[in-house]
Amino acid sequence: KILTFSNHYSVFDNGSLIINNVQVGDAGDYECTAENEVAPVVRRKTNLIVKDIIGADIQTHQGTFHEGETIHLVCIGTGYPTPHLEWIKDDNVMKSFGKVTVRNGDLTITA
């Protein structure tokens, strides 16, 4: 039997809590209490951690680059916790060196 119902969550008489379409804002401490007329209240807590779906988007000029040009590529990561961003070329993580600068998801290759 459903005791409480909304589009977001339902509480059933067996003690179950169902959260629909869980969001980062649902994260936090939840407490269940059990009681009857012959026993003291029993409380149990749990912490719900909600991780957001990770996304990455490359924002750059699409097309052909010519030798000697400076190229600036921007990778924007989304999600919670905030994702760590890396640029990889030929299975190797790119590091700042010489004409290559990598910082916070930005990749710049200068002429």
N, C-alpha and C. Protein backbone atom coordinates (compact mmCIF):
# COMPACT_ATOMS: atom_id res chain seq x y z
N LYS A 1 0.85 -1.18 0.00
CA LYS A 1 0.00 0.00 0.00
C LYS A 1 0.89 1.24 0.00
N ILE A 2 0.54 2.22 -0.82
CA ILE A 2 1.29 3.46 -0.89
C ILE A 2 0.76 4.42 0.18
N LEU A 3 1.69 4.92 1.04
CA LEU A 3 1.30 5.87 2.07
C LEU A 3 1.46 7.32 1.60
N THR A 4 2.51 7.58 0.87
CA THR A 4 2.78 8.92 0.35
C THR A 4 3.17 8.78 -1.10
N PHE A 5 2.66 9.67 -1.93
CA PHE A 5 2.96 9.57 -3.35
C PHE A 5 3.12 10.96 -3.94
N SER A 6 4.13 11.11 -4.78
CA SER A 6 4.28 12.31 -5.61
C SER A 6 4.92 11.84 -6.91
N ASN A 7 5.08 12.74 -7.85
CA ASN A 7 5.77 12.37 -9.09
C ASN A 7 7.22 12.02 -8.84
N HIS A 8 7.76 12.49 -7.72
CA HIS A 8 9.18 12.30 -7.44
C HIS A 8 9.47 11.11 -6.52
N TYR A 9 8.61 10.87 -5.54
CA TYR A 9 8.88 9.75 -4.63
C TYR A 9 7.59 9.12 -4.11
N SER A 10 7.76 7.87 -3.62
CA SER A 10 6.65 7.14 -3.00
C SER A 10 7.16 6.46 -1.75
N VAL A 11 6.34 6.46 -0.70
CA VAL A 11 6.65 5.75 0.54
C VAL A 11 5.56 4.69 0.72
N PHE A 12 5.99 3.43 0.90
CA PHE A 12 5.06 2.32 1.03
C PHE A 12 4.93 1.89 2.48
N ASP A 13 3.83 1.21 2.82
CA ASP A 13 3.60 0.79 4.20
C ASP A 13 4.59 -0.27 4.68
N ASN A 14 5.33 -0.89 3.79
CA ASN A 14 6.37 -1.85 4.21
C ASN A 14 7.70 -1.15 4.52
N GLY A 15 7.70 0.19 4.43
CA GLY A 15 8.91 0.95 4.75
C GLY A 15 9.75 1.31 3.55
N SER A 16 9.37 0.87 2.38
CA SER A 16 10.17 1.17 1.18
C SER A 16 9.99 2.62 0.75
N LEU A 17 11.08 3.21 0.32
CA LEU A 17 11.07 4.54 -0.26
C LEU A 17 11.56 4.40 -1.69
N ILE A 18 10.77 4.85 -2.64
CA ILE A 18 11.15 4.82 -4.05
C ILE A 18 11.30 6.26 -4.51
N ILE A 19 12.48 6.61 -5.01
CA ILE A 19 12.72 7.94 -5.57
C ILE A 19 12.79 7.79 -7.08
N ASN A 20 11.91 8.49 -7.77
CA ASN A 20 11.87 8.45 -9.23
C ASN A 20 12.75 9.55 -9.80
N ASN A 21 13.46 9.24 -10.88
CA ASN A 21 14.28 10.23 -11.57
C ASN A 21 15.19 10.96 -10.59
N VAL A 22 16.01 10.18 -9.88
CA VAL A 22 16.88 10.74 -8.84
C VAL A 22 17.76 11.85 -9.42
N GLN A 23 17.94 12.90 -8.64
CA GLN A 23 18.71 14.07 -9.04
C GLN A 23 19.80 14.32 -8.00
N VAL A 24 20.80 15.11 -8.36
CA VAL A 24 21.88 15.45 -7.44
C VAL A 24 21.31 16.07 -6.17
N GLY A 25 20.24 16.84 -6.28
CA GLY A 25 19.62 17.46 -5.11
C GLY A 25 19.00 16.47 -4.13
N ASP A 26 18.80 15.22 -4.54
CA ASP A 26 18.26 14.20 -3.65
C ASP A 26 19.33 13.62 -2.73
N ALA A 27 20.58 13.92 -2.99
CA ALA A 27 21.67 13.39 -2.16
C ALA A 27 21.53 13.92 -0.74
N GLY A 28 21.96 13.11 0.22
CA GLY A 28 21.93 13.55 1.61
C GLY A 28 21.60 12.40 2.53
N ASP A 29 21.37 12.74 3.80
CA ASP A 29 21.07 11.75 4.81
C ASP A 29 19.57 11.45 4.83
N TYR A 30 19.25 10.18 4.89
CA TYR A 30 17.87 9.72 5.01
C TYR A 30 17.78 8.88 6.27
N GLU A 31 16.66 9.00 6.99
CA GLU A 31 16.48 8.26 8.23
C GLU A 31 15.15 7.52 8.20
N CYS A 32 15.20 6.27 8.63
CA CYS A 32 14.00 5.45 8.76
C CYS A 32 13.76 5.23 10.25
N THR A 33 12.53 5.40 10.69
CA THR A 33 12.20 5.11 12.08
C THR A 33 11.15 4.01 12.12
N ALA A 34 11.28 3.15 13.12
CA ALA A 34 10.31 2.07 13.33
C ALA A 34 9.85 2.13 14.78
N GLU A 35 8.55 2.04 14.97
CA GLU A 35 8.03 2.07 16.34
C GLU A 35 6.70 1.33 16.40
N ASN A 36 6.41 0.86 17.60
CA ASN A 36 5.09 0.31 17.89
C ASN A 36 4.78 0.58 19.36
N GLU A 37 3.64 0.09 19.83
CA GLU A 37 3.21 0.43 21.20
C GLU A 37 3.98 -0.31 22.29
N VAL A 38 4.79 -1.31 21.96
CA VAL A 38 5.48 -2.09 23.00
C VAL A 38 7.00 -1.95 22.97
N ALA A 39 7.54 -1.19 22.05
CA ALA A 39 9.00 -1.10 21.95
C ALA A 39 9.41 0.35 21.70
N PRO A 40 10.62 0.68 22.11
CA PRO A 40 11.10 2.04 21.84
C PRO A 40 11.37 2.25 20.34
N VAL A 41 11.44 3.49 19.96
CA VAL A 41 11.70 3.85 18.57
C VAL A 41 13.09 3.39 18.16
N VAL A 42 13.18 2.80 16.98
CA VAL A 42 14.46 2.41 16.40
C VAL A 42 14.69 3.30 15.18
N ARG A 43 15.90 3.87 15.10
CA ARG A 43 16.23 4.77 13.99
C ARG A 43 17.45 4.23 13.25
N ARG A 44 17.39 4.29 11.94
CA ARG A 44 18.53 3.91 11.11
C ARG A 44 18.70 4.99 10.05
N LYS A 45 19.96 5.35 9.82
CA LYS A 45 20.28 6.38 8.83
C LYS A 45 21.11 5.80 7.71
N THR A 46 20.98 6.41 6.56
CA THR A 46 21.84 6.08 5.43
C THR A 46 22.13 7.38 4.69
N ASN A 47 23.24 7.39 4.00
CA ASN A 47 23.61 8.56 3.21
C ASN A 47 23.51 8.20 1.74
N LEU A 48 22.72 8.96 1.02
CA LEU A 48 22.53 8.74 -0.40
C LEU A 48 23.48 9.65 -1.17
N ILE A 49 24.33 9.05 -1.99
CA ILE A 49 25.25 9.79 -2.84
C ILE A 49 24.75 9.67 -4.27
N VAL A 50 24.59 10.80 -4.92
CA VAL A 50 24.12 10.82 -6.31
C VAL A 50 25.20 11.43 -7.17
N LYS A 51 25.68 10.66 -8.12
CA LYS A 51 26.69 11.16 -9.05
C LYS A 51 26.00 11.51 -10.36
N ASP A 52 26.30 12.68 -10.83
CA ASP A 52 25.71 13.14 -12.09
C ASP A 52 26.38 12.42 -13.26
N ILE A 53 25.67 12.29 -14.34
CA ILE A 53 26.22 11.69 -15.54
C ILE A 53 27.31 12.59 -16.08
N ILE A 54 28.43 11.99 -16.42
CA ILE A 54 29.56 12.76 -16.95
C ILE A 54 29.34 13.04 -18.42
N GLY A 55 29.67 14.25 -18.80
CA GLY A 55 29.61 14.64 -20.20
C GLY A 55 30.85 15.41 -20.58
N ALA A 56 31.18 15.41 -21.84
CA ALA A 56 32.30 16.19 -22.35
C ALA A 56 31.93 16.72 -23.72
N ASP A 57 32.29 17.95 -23.96
CA ASP A 57 32.00 18.58 -25.23
C ASP A 57 33.24 19.34 -25.69
N ILE A 58 33.61 19.16 -26.93
CA ILE A 58 34.76 19.88 -27.49
C ILE A 58 34.23 21.07 -28.28
N GLN A 59 34.65 22.24 -27.86
CA GLN A 59 34.24 23.46 -28.55
C GLN A 59 35.44 24.00 -29.32
N THR A 60 35.37 23.94 -30.60
CA THR A 60 36.47 24.40 -31.44
C THR A 60 35.97 24.68 -32.85
N HIS A 61 36.81 25.28 -33.61
CA HIS A 61 36.54 25.50 -35.03
C HIS A 61 36.61 24.15 -35.74
N GLN A 62 35.60 23.84 -36.51
CA GLN A 62 35.62 22.60 -37.29
C GLN A 62 36.17 22.91 -38.68
N GLY A 63 37.05 22.09 -39.14
CA GLY A 63 37.55 22.30 -40.49
C GLY A 63 39.04 22.01 -40.58
N THR A 64 39.65 22.58 -41.58
CA THR A 64 41.05 22.31 -41.87
C THR A 64 41.92 23.39 -41.25
N PHE A 65 43.01 22.96 -40.66
CA PHE A 65 44.01 23.88 -40.14
C PHE A 65 45.22 23.81 -41.05
N HIS A 66 45.89 24.91 -41.20
CA HIS A 66 47.06 24.96 -42.07
C HIS A 66 48.33 24.97 -41.23
N GLU A 67 49.36 24.36 -41.77
CA GLU A 67 50.65 24.31 -41.09
C GLU A 67 51.07 25.73 -40.73
N GLY A 68 51.54 25.88 -39.51
CA GLY A 68 51.98 27.19 -39.03
C GLY A 68 50.93 27.93 -38.22
N GLU A 69 49.67 27.47 -38.25
CA GLU A 69 48.61 28.12 -37.48
C GLU A 69 48.67 27.67 -36.02
N THR A 70 48.13 28.51 -35.16
CA THR A 70 47.94 28.14 -33.76
C THR A 70 46.56 27.52 -33.63
N ILE A 71 46.50 26.41 -32.93
CA ILE A 71 45.23 25.69 -32.74
C ILE A 71 44.88 25.74 -31.26
N HIS A 72 43.64 26.09 -30.98
CA HIS A 72 43.16 26.13 -29.59
C HIS A 72 41.89 25.28 -29.51
N LEU A 73 41.95 24.20 -28.75
CA LEU A 73 40.81 23.30 -28.56
C LEU A 73 40.35 23.40 -27.11
N VAL A 74 39.06 23.44 -26.89
CA VAL A 74 38.50 23.55 -25.55
C VAL A 74 37.60 22.35 -25.28
N CYS A 75 37.89 21.63 -24.20
CA CYS A 75 37.04 20.52 -23.76
C CYS A 75 36.33 20.97 -22.49
N ILE A 76 35.00 20.90 -22.51
CA ILE A 76 34.21 21.29 -21.35
C ILE A 76 33.58 20.03 -20.77
N GLY A 77 33.91 19.74 -19.53
CA GLY A 77 33.37 18.56 -18.85
C GLY A 77 32.24 18.96 -17.92
N THR A 78 31.22 18.13 -17.86
CA THR A 78 30.10 18.37 -16.96
C THR A 78 29.86 17.14 -16.12
N GLY A 79 29.31 17.34 -14.95
CA GLY A 79 28.97 16.24 -14.06
C GLY A 79 29.30 16.58 -12.63
N TYR A 80 28.84 15.73 -11.74
CA TYR A 80 29.14 15.88 -10.32
C TYR A 80 29.52 14.53 -9.77
N PRO A 81 30.66 14.42 -9.15
CA PRO A 81 31.69 15.44 -8.97
C PRO A 81 32.27 15.88 -10.31
N THR A 82 32.89 17.06 -10.32
CA THR A 82 33.46 17.62 -11.54
C THR A 82 34.50 16.66 -12.11
N PRO A 83 34.40 16.31 -13.39
CA PRO A 83 35.35 15.36 -13.97
C PRO A 83 36.73 15.97 -14.21
N HIS A 84 37.72 15.11 -14.18
CA HIS A 84 39.09 15.48 -14.53
C HIS A 84 39.20 15.36 -16.05
N LEU A 85 39.76 16.38 -16.69
CA LEU A 85 39.85 16.40 -18.15
C LEU A 85 41.27 16.17 -18.62
N GLU A 86 41.43 15.38 -19.67
CA GLU A 86 42.74 15.14 -20.28
C GLU A 86 42.59 15.13 -21.79
N TRP A 87 43.64 15.51 -22.46
CA TRP A 87 43.72 15.37 -23.91
C TRP A 87 44.64 14.19 -24.20
N ILE A 88 44.25 13.33 -25.14
CA ILE A 88 45.01 12.13 -25.46
C ILE A 88 45.23 12.09 -26.97
N LYS A 89 46.47 11.82 -27.36
CA LYS A 89 46.80 11.66 -28.79
C LYS A 89 47.63 10.40 -28.94
N ASP A 90 47.24 9.55 -29.86
CA ASP A 90 47.95 8.28 -30.10
C ASP A 90 48.13 7.49 -28.80
N ASP A 91 47.07 7.41 -28.01
CA ASP A 91 47.04 6.67 -26.74
C ASP A 91 47.97 7.23 -25.67
N ASN A 92 48.46 8.44 -25.84
CA ASN A 92 49.33 9.07 -24.84
C ASN A 92 48.66 10.34 -24.31
N VAL A 93 48.68 10.50 -22.98
CA VAL A 93 48.14 11.71 -22.37
C VAL A 93 49.05 12.87 -22.72
N MET A 94 48.45 13.94 -23.23
CA MET A 94 49.24 15.10 -23.64
C MET A 94 49.56 15.96 -22.42
N LYS A 95 50.80 16.40 -22.34
CA LYS A 95 51.28 17.28 -21.27
C LYS A 95 51.82 18.54 -21.90
N SER A 96 51.87 19.61 -21.12
CA SER A 96 52.45 20.86 -21.62
C SER A 96 53.94 20.66 -21.84
N PHE A 97 54.38 20.95 -23.07
CA PHE A 97 55.79 20.80 -23.41
C PHE A 97 56.02 21.47 -24.76
N GLY A 98 57.03 22.32 -24.82
CA GLY A 98 57.36 22.97 -26.08
C GLY A 98 56.21 23.80 -26.60
N LYS A 99 55.72 23.45 -27.78
CA LYS A 99 54.64 24.20 -28.44
C LYS A 99 53.25 23.80 -27.95
N VAL A 100 53.19 22.82 -27.06
CA VAL A 100 51.90 22.31 -26.57
C VAL A 100 51.64 22.82 -25.16
N THR A 101 50.46 23.42 -24.96
CA THR A 101 50.04 23.84 -23.63
C THR A 101 48.71 23.18 -23.32
N VAL A 102 48.66 22.49 -22.17
CA VAL A 102 47.43 21.83 -21.73
C VAL A 102 47.09 22.37 -20.34
N ARG A 103 45.87 22.91 -20.20
CA ARG A 103 45.48 23.45 -18.90
C ARG A 103 43.96 23.47 -18.78
N ASN A 104 43.45 22.80 -17.74
CA ASN A 104 42.01 22.80 -17.43
C ASN A 104 41.13 22.47 -18.63
N GLY A 105 41.50 21.50 -19.41
CA GLY A 105 40.68 21.10 -20.56
C GLY A 105 40.98 21.87 -21.83
N ASP A 106 41.84 22.89 -21.75
CA ASP A 106 42.23 23.65 -22.94
C ASP A 106 43.52 23.09 -23.51
N LEU A 107 43.56 22.93 -24.81
CA LEU A 107 44.76 22.46 -25.51
C LEU A 107 45.12 23.51 -26.55
N THR A 108 46.35 24.02 -26.46
CA THR A 108 46.83 24.99 -27.44
C THR A 108 48.12 24.46 -28.04
N ILE A 109 48.17 24.43 -29.36
CA ILE A 109 49.38 24.04 -30.08
C ILE A 109 49.78 25.25 -30.92
N THR A 110 50.94 25.81 -30.60
CA THR A 110 51.39 27.02 -31.30
C THR A 110 52.35 26.67 -32.42
N ALA A 111 52.47 27.61 -33.35
CA ALA A 111 53.34 27.42 -34.52
C ALA A 111 54.80 27.52 -34.10
